[in-house]
Amino acid sequence: MFVRRGRWVYNTRSPVARVLMFVTVVGLIGFYLYVSDTGQWSESELRDAVHEAAGDLEAQPQRVHFGYDSLIRDAIEATDEGPVADLVIRPTDDDTKGGVVGSPTEDSFEISAAHMSETFCLRLSPPEPPRALGKTPTVRLTAQVSQGDC
C-alpha cells in the first residue's frame, strides 16, 4: 500500500491504495456538497420554515421569556430547515391598524435570510405583553404569514 522512497507515499500499483484514493476523493466531494447545501437558506426552505414555525407558535400557549423575536427564532430553529445564524428577524414599527393611531392589535416581524431577497411577514396577536420583573407571561398566539414586507 505504501512505498518508501525517502518518504511515505501511496503505491499507485496497489489495488488497496487505489480504493483508498477513490474513497478519499468521493468523501471530500460529498463533504463539500453537504456543507454548501446546509450553509445557506433556499427560498423553499425559508418559506417552509416560516410557515411551520407559525403553526408551531399557534399550536399551544407560549411562555414569553425574551420577547416574540426570540420565540420566532426558536420556532424556526426547531424546524431544522436551514442555518439559523443567517436568519434575520426584524420587528416592524407599525403602530397603526387601518390608519388609526392607537394601541396595536398585533406585532409584525419581517423574516429573511442573509444573502436572500425573499422576505416574509409574520404577524402575531395579541401584542407582546409588557415584561414584569420576576414574571413570565403565557400567551396563546394567532399567527399570520404573508410573503413580502410587512
C-alpha atoms as a PDB file:
ATOM      1  CA  MET A   1       0.000   0.000   0.000  1.00  0.00           C
ATOM      2  CA  PHE A   2       2.826   2.413   0.830  1.00  0.00           C
ATOM      3  CA  VAL A   3       6.274   2.596  -0.688  1.00  0.00           C
ATOM      4  CA  ARG A   4       9.151   4.363   0.955  1.00  0.00           C
ATOM      5  CA  ARG A   5      11.458   6.326  -1.312  1.00  0.00           C
ATOM      6  CA  GLY A   6      12.825   8.781   1.147  1.00  0.00           C
ATOM      7  CA  ARG A   7       9.222   9.477   2.260  1.00  0.00           C
ATOM      8  CA  TRP A   8       5.944   7.601   2.555  1.00  0.00           C
ATOM      9  CA  VAL A   9       3.637   7.773  -0.484  1.00  0.00           C
ATOM     10  CA  TYR A  10       0.757   5.773  -1.955  1.00  0.00           C
ATOM     11  CA  ASN A  11       1.791   2.866  -4.145  1.00  0.00           C
ATOM     12  CA  THR A  12      -0.462   3.525  -7.137  1.00  0.00           C
ATOM     13  CA  ARG A  13       0.022  -0.054  -8.339  1.00  0.00           C
ATOM     14  CA  SER A  14      -1.617  -1.478  -5.216  1.00  0.00           C
ATOM     15  CA  PRO A  15      -5.398  -2.096  -5.530  1.00  0.00           C
ATOM     16  CA  VAL A  16      -5.926  -1.205  -1.843  1.00  0.00           C
ATOM     17  CA  ALA A  17      -4.197   2.157  -2.348  1.00  0.00           C
ATOM     18  CA  ARG A  18      -6.352   2.878  -5.410  1.00  0.00           C
ATOM     19  CA  VAL A  19      -9.525   2.160  -3.431  1.00  0.00           C
ATOM     20  CA  LEU A  20      -8.327   4.419  -0.604  1.00  0.00           C
ATOM     21  CA  MET A  21      -7.580   7.262  -3.047  1.00  0.00           C
ATOM     22  CA  PHE A  22     -11.001   6.879  -4.672  1.00  0.00           C
ATOM     23  CA  VAL A  23     -12.802   6.812  -1.299  1.00  0.00           C
ATOM     24  CA  THR A  24     -10.879   9.904  -0.164  1.00  0.00           C
ATOM     25  CA  VAL A  25     -11.856  11.894  -3.271  1.00  0.00           C
ATOM     26  CA  VAL A  26     -15.507  10.818  -3.082  1.00  0.00           C
ATOM     27  CA  GLY A  27     -15.605  11.644   0.643  1.00  0.00           C
ATOM     28  CA  LEU A  28     -14.187  15.135   0.113  1.00  0.00           C
ATOM     29  CA  ILE A  29     -16.662  15.865  -2.693  1.00  0.00           C
ATOM     30  CA  GLY A  30     -19.551  14.612  -0.539  1.00  0.00           C
ATOM     31  CA  PHE A  31     -18.432  16.730   2.407  1.00  0.00           C
ATOM     32  CA  TYR A  32     -18.165  19.826   0.186  1.00  0.00           C
ATOM     33  CA  LEU A  33     -21.679  19.287  -1.204  1.00  0.00           C
ATOM     34  CA  TYR A  34     -23.117  18.751   2.280  1.00  0.00           C
ATOM     35  CA  VAL A  35     -21.504  21.920   3.659  1.00  0.00           C
ATOM     36  CA  SER A  36     -22.549  24.054   0.682  1.00  0.00           C
ATOM     37  CA  ASP A  37     -26.142  22.776   0.911  1.00  0.00           C
ATOM     38  CA  THR A  38     -26.548  23.391   4.650  1.00  0.00           C
ATOM     39  CA  GLY A  39     -24.643  26.678   4.651  1.00  0.00           C
ATOM     40  CA  GLN A  40     -27.361  28.854   3.088  1.00  0.00           C
ATOM     41  CA  TRP A  41     -31.126  29.111   3.031  1.00  0.00           C
ATOM     42  CA  SER A  42     -33.030  28.345  -0.134  1.00  0.00           C
ATOM     43  CA  GLU A  43     -36.305  30.149  -0.823  1.00  0.00           C
ATOM     44  CA  SER A  44     -38.353  26.993  -0.308  1.00  0.00           C
ATOM     45  CA  GLU A  45     -36.555  26.171   2.961  1.00  0.00           C
ATOM     46  CA  LEU A  46     -37.221  29.641   4.355  1.00  0.00           C
ATOM     47  CA  ARG A  47     -40.886  29.588   3.239  1.00  0.00           C
ATOM     48  CA  ASP A  48     -41.432  26.126   4.754  1.00  0.00           C
ATOM     49  CA  ALA A  49     -39.640  27.060   7.981  1.00  0.00           C
ATOM     50  CA  VAL A  50     -41.654  30.273   8.490  1.00  0.00           C
ATOM     51  CA  HIS A  51     -44.992  28.557   7.831  1.00  0.00           C
ATOM     52  CA  GLU A  52     -44.112  25.601  10.070  1.00  0.00           C
ATOM     53  CA  ALA A  53     -42.901  27.933  12.834  1.00  0.00           C
ATOM     54  CA  ALA A  54     -46.159  29.925  12.632  1.00  0.00           C
ATOM     55  CA  GLY A  55     -48.133  26.707  13.050  1.00  0.00           C
ATOM     56  CA  ASP A  56     -45.983  25.652  15.999  1.00  0.00           C
ATOM     57  CA  LEU A  57     -46.436  29.042  17.694  1.00  0.00           C
ATOM     58  CA  GLU A  58     -50.223  28.730  17.366  1.00  0.00           C
ATOM     59  CA  ALA A  59     -50.372  25.102  18.474  1.00  0.00           C
ATOM     60  CA  GLN A  60     -50.026  25.701  22.205  1.00  0.00           C
ATOM     61  CA  PRO A  61     -49.668  28.563  24.702  1.00  0.00           C
ATOM     62  CA  GLN A  62     -46.207  30.122  24.661  1.00  0.00           C
ATOM     63  CA  ARG A  63     -44.188  31.458  27.582  1.00  0.00           C
ATOM     64  CA  VAL A  64     -42.635  34.785  26.601  1.00  0.00           C
ATOM     65  CA  HIS A  65     -39.219  34.834  28.248  1.00  0.00           C
ATOM     66  CA  PHE A  66     -37.212  37.138  25.966  1.00  0.00           C
ATOM     67  CA  GLY A  67     -39.805  38.524  23.569  1.00  0.00           C
ATOM     68  CA  TYR A  68     -41.565  37.417  20.405  1.00  0.00           C
ATOM     69  CA  ASP A  69     -38.449  37.650  18.224  1.00  0.00           C
ATOM     70  CA  SER A  70     -36.786  35.032  20.429  1.00  0.00           C
ATOM     71  CA  LEU A  71     -39.881  32.812  20.199  1.00  0.00           C
ATOM     72  CA  ILE A  72     -39.846  33.107  16.407  1.00  0.00           C
ATOM     73  CA  ARG A  73     -36.132  32.290  16.164  1.00  0.00           C
ATOM     74  CA  ASP A  74     -36.552  29.245  18.423  1.00  0.00           C
ATOM     75  CA  ALA A  75     -39.566  28.002  16.437  1.00  0.00           C
ATOM     76  CA  ILE A  76     -37.711  28.355  13.120  1.00  0.00           C
ATOM     77  CA  GLU A  77     -34.647  26.647  14.588  1.00  0.00           C
ATOM     78  CA  ALA A  78     -36.844  23.733  15.688  1.00  0.00           C
ATOM     79  CA  THR A  79     -37.853  23.107  12.051  1.00  0.00           C
ATOM     80  CA  ASP A  80     -34.248  22.128  11.140  1.00  0.00           C
ATOM     81  CA  GLU A  81     -34.681  23.715   7.700  1.00  0.00           C
ATOM     82  CA  GLY A  82     -31.596  25.929   7.376  1.00  0.00           C
ATOM     83  CA  PRO A  83     -28.776  27.720   9.205  1.00  0.00           C
ATOM     84  CA  VAL A  84     -30.288  29.815  11.989  1.00  0.00           C
ATOM     85  CA  ALA A  85     -27.177  32.005  12.103  1.00  0.00           C
ATOM     86  CA  ASP A  86     -28.147  33.538   8.731  1.00  0.00           C
ATOM     87  CA  LEU A  87     -31.700  34.286   9.882  1.00  0.00           C
ATOM     88  CA  VAL A  88     -32.725  37.961  10.059  1.00  0.00           C
ATOM     89  CA  ILE A  89     -35.790  38.819  12.177  1.00  0.00           C
ATOM     90  CA  ARG A  90     -36.767  42.495  12.276  1.00  0.00           C
ATOM     91  CA  PRO A  91     -39.735  43.808  14.243  1.00  0.00           C
ATOM     92  CA  THR A  92     -41.645  46.437  12.303  1.00  0.00           C
ATOM     93  CA  ASP A  93     -42.648  49.705  13.932  1.00  0.00           C
ATOM     94  CA  ASP A  94     -46.223  49.781  12.650  1.00  0.00           C
ATOM     95  CA  ASP A  95     -48.309  51.210  15.499  1.00  0.00           C
ATOM     96  CA  THR A  96     -51.278  51.918  13.271  1.00  0.00           C
ATOM     97  CA  LYS A  97     -54.045  49.497  12.371  1.00  0.00           C
ATOM     98  CA  GLY A  98     -56.220  50.514   9.463  1.00  0.00           C
ATOM     99  CA  GLY A  99     -54.884  54.075   9.556  1.00  0.00           C
ATOM    100  CA  VAL A 100     -55.964  54.624  13.161  1.00  0.00           C
ATOM    101  CA  VAL A 101     -53.262  55.527  15.648  1.00  0.00           C
ATOM    102  CA  GLY A 102     -53.634  53.777  18.967  1.00  0.00           C
ATOM    103  CA  SER A 103     -52.682  50.612  20.717  1.00  0.00           C
ATOM    104  CA  PRO A 104     -51.635  47.952  18.216  1.00  0.00           C
ATOM    105  CA  THR A 105     -53.631  44.728  17.925  1.00  0.00           C
ATOM    106  CA  GLU A 106     -50.684  42.686  16.632  1.00  0.00           C
ATOM    107  CA  ASP A 107     -46.892  42.667  16.361  1.00  0.00           C
ATOM    108  CA  SER A 108     -45.305  42.289  12.931  1.00  0.00           C
ATOM    109  CA  PHE A 109     -41.912  40.817  12.098  1.00  0.00           C
ATOM    110  CA  GLU A 110     -40.067  40.700   8.800  1.00  0.00           C
ATOM    111  CA  ILE A 111     -38.194  37.429   8.419  1.00  0.00           C
ATOM    112  CA  SER A 112     -35.470  36.946   5.841  1.00  0.00           C
ATOM    113  CA  ALA A 113     -32.086  35.327   5.486  1.00  0.00           C
ATOM    114  CA  ALA A 114     -28.692  36.822   4.778  1.00  0.00           C
ATOM    115  CA  HIS A 115     -27.871  36.906   1.071  1.00  0.00           C
ATOM    116  CA  MET A 116     -31.549  36.487   0.078  1.00  0.00           C
ATOM    117  CA  SER A 117     -34.072  38.947  -1.260  1.00  0.00           C
ATOM    118  CA  GLU A 118     -37.049  36.816  -0.148  1.00  0.00           C
ATOM    119  CA  THR A 119     -38.885  38.298   2.862  1.00  0.00           C
ATOM    120  CA  PHE A 120     -41.847  37.038   4.861  1.00  0.00           C
ATOM    121  CA  CYS A 121     -44.106  38.994   7.180  1.00  0.00           C
ATOM    122  CA  LEU A 122     -45.210  37.209  10.359  1.00  0.00           C
ATOM    123  CA  ARG A 123     -47.978  38.899  12.315  1.00  0.00           C
ATOM    124  CA  LEU A 124     -48.572  37.745  15.871  1.00  0.00           C
ATOM    125  CA  SER A 125     -51.520  38.698  18.021  1.00  0.00           C
ATOM    126  CA  PRO A 126     -52.005  39.609  20.785  1.00  0.00           C
ATOM    127  CA  PRO A 127     -49.161  42.143  21.000  1.00  0.00           C
ATOM    128  CA  GLU A 128     -46.178  41.241  23.141  1.00  0.00           C
ATOM    129  CA  PRO A 129     -47.091  41.687  26.820  1.00  0.00           C
ATOM    130  CA  PRO A 130     -45.009  44.097  28.867  1.00  0.00           C
ATOM    131  CA  ARG A 131     -42.237  42.460  30.827  1.00  0.00           C
ATOM    132  CA  ALA A 132     -42.709  42.360  34.559  1.00  0.00           C
ATOM    133  CA  LEU A 133     -39.847  41.692  36.923  1.00  0.00           C
ATOM    134  CA  GLY A 134     -39.904  38.063  38.032  1.00  0.00           C
ATOM    135  CA  LYS A 135     -42.944  37.100  35.928  1.00  0.00           C
ATOM    136  CA  THR A 136     -43.049  35.244  32.625  1.00  0.00           C
ATOM    137  CA  PRO A 137     -46.368  35.765  30.840  1.00  0.00           C
ATOM    138  CA  THR A 138     -48.001  32.941  28.904  1.00  0.00           C
ATOM    139  CA  VAL A 139     -49.985  33.826  25.779  1.00  0.00           C
ATOM    140  CA  ARG A 140     -51.965  31.937  23.141  1.00  0.00           C
ATOM    141  CA  LEU A 141     -50.793  33.338  19.818  1.00  0.00           C
ATOM    142  CA  THR A 142     -52.506  33.734  16.486  1.00  0.00           C
ATOM    143  CA  ALA A 143     -50.022  33.873  13.588  1.00  0.00           C
ATOM    144  CA  GLN A 144     -50.467  35.049  10.017  1.00  0.00           C
ATOM    145  CA  VAL A 145     -47.740  34.680   7.384  1.00  0.00           C
ATOM    146  CA  SER A 146     -47.582  36.622   4.133  1.00  0.00           C
ATOM    147  CA  GLN A 147     -44.891  36.886   1.510  1.00  0.00           C
ATOM    148  CA  GLY A 148     -43.160  40.249   1.197  1.00  0.00           C
ATOM    149  CA  ASP A 149     -42.546  43.160   3.537  1.00  0.00           C
ATOM    150  CA  CYS A 150     -44.974  43.990   6.344  1.00  0.00           C
END
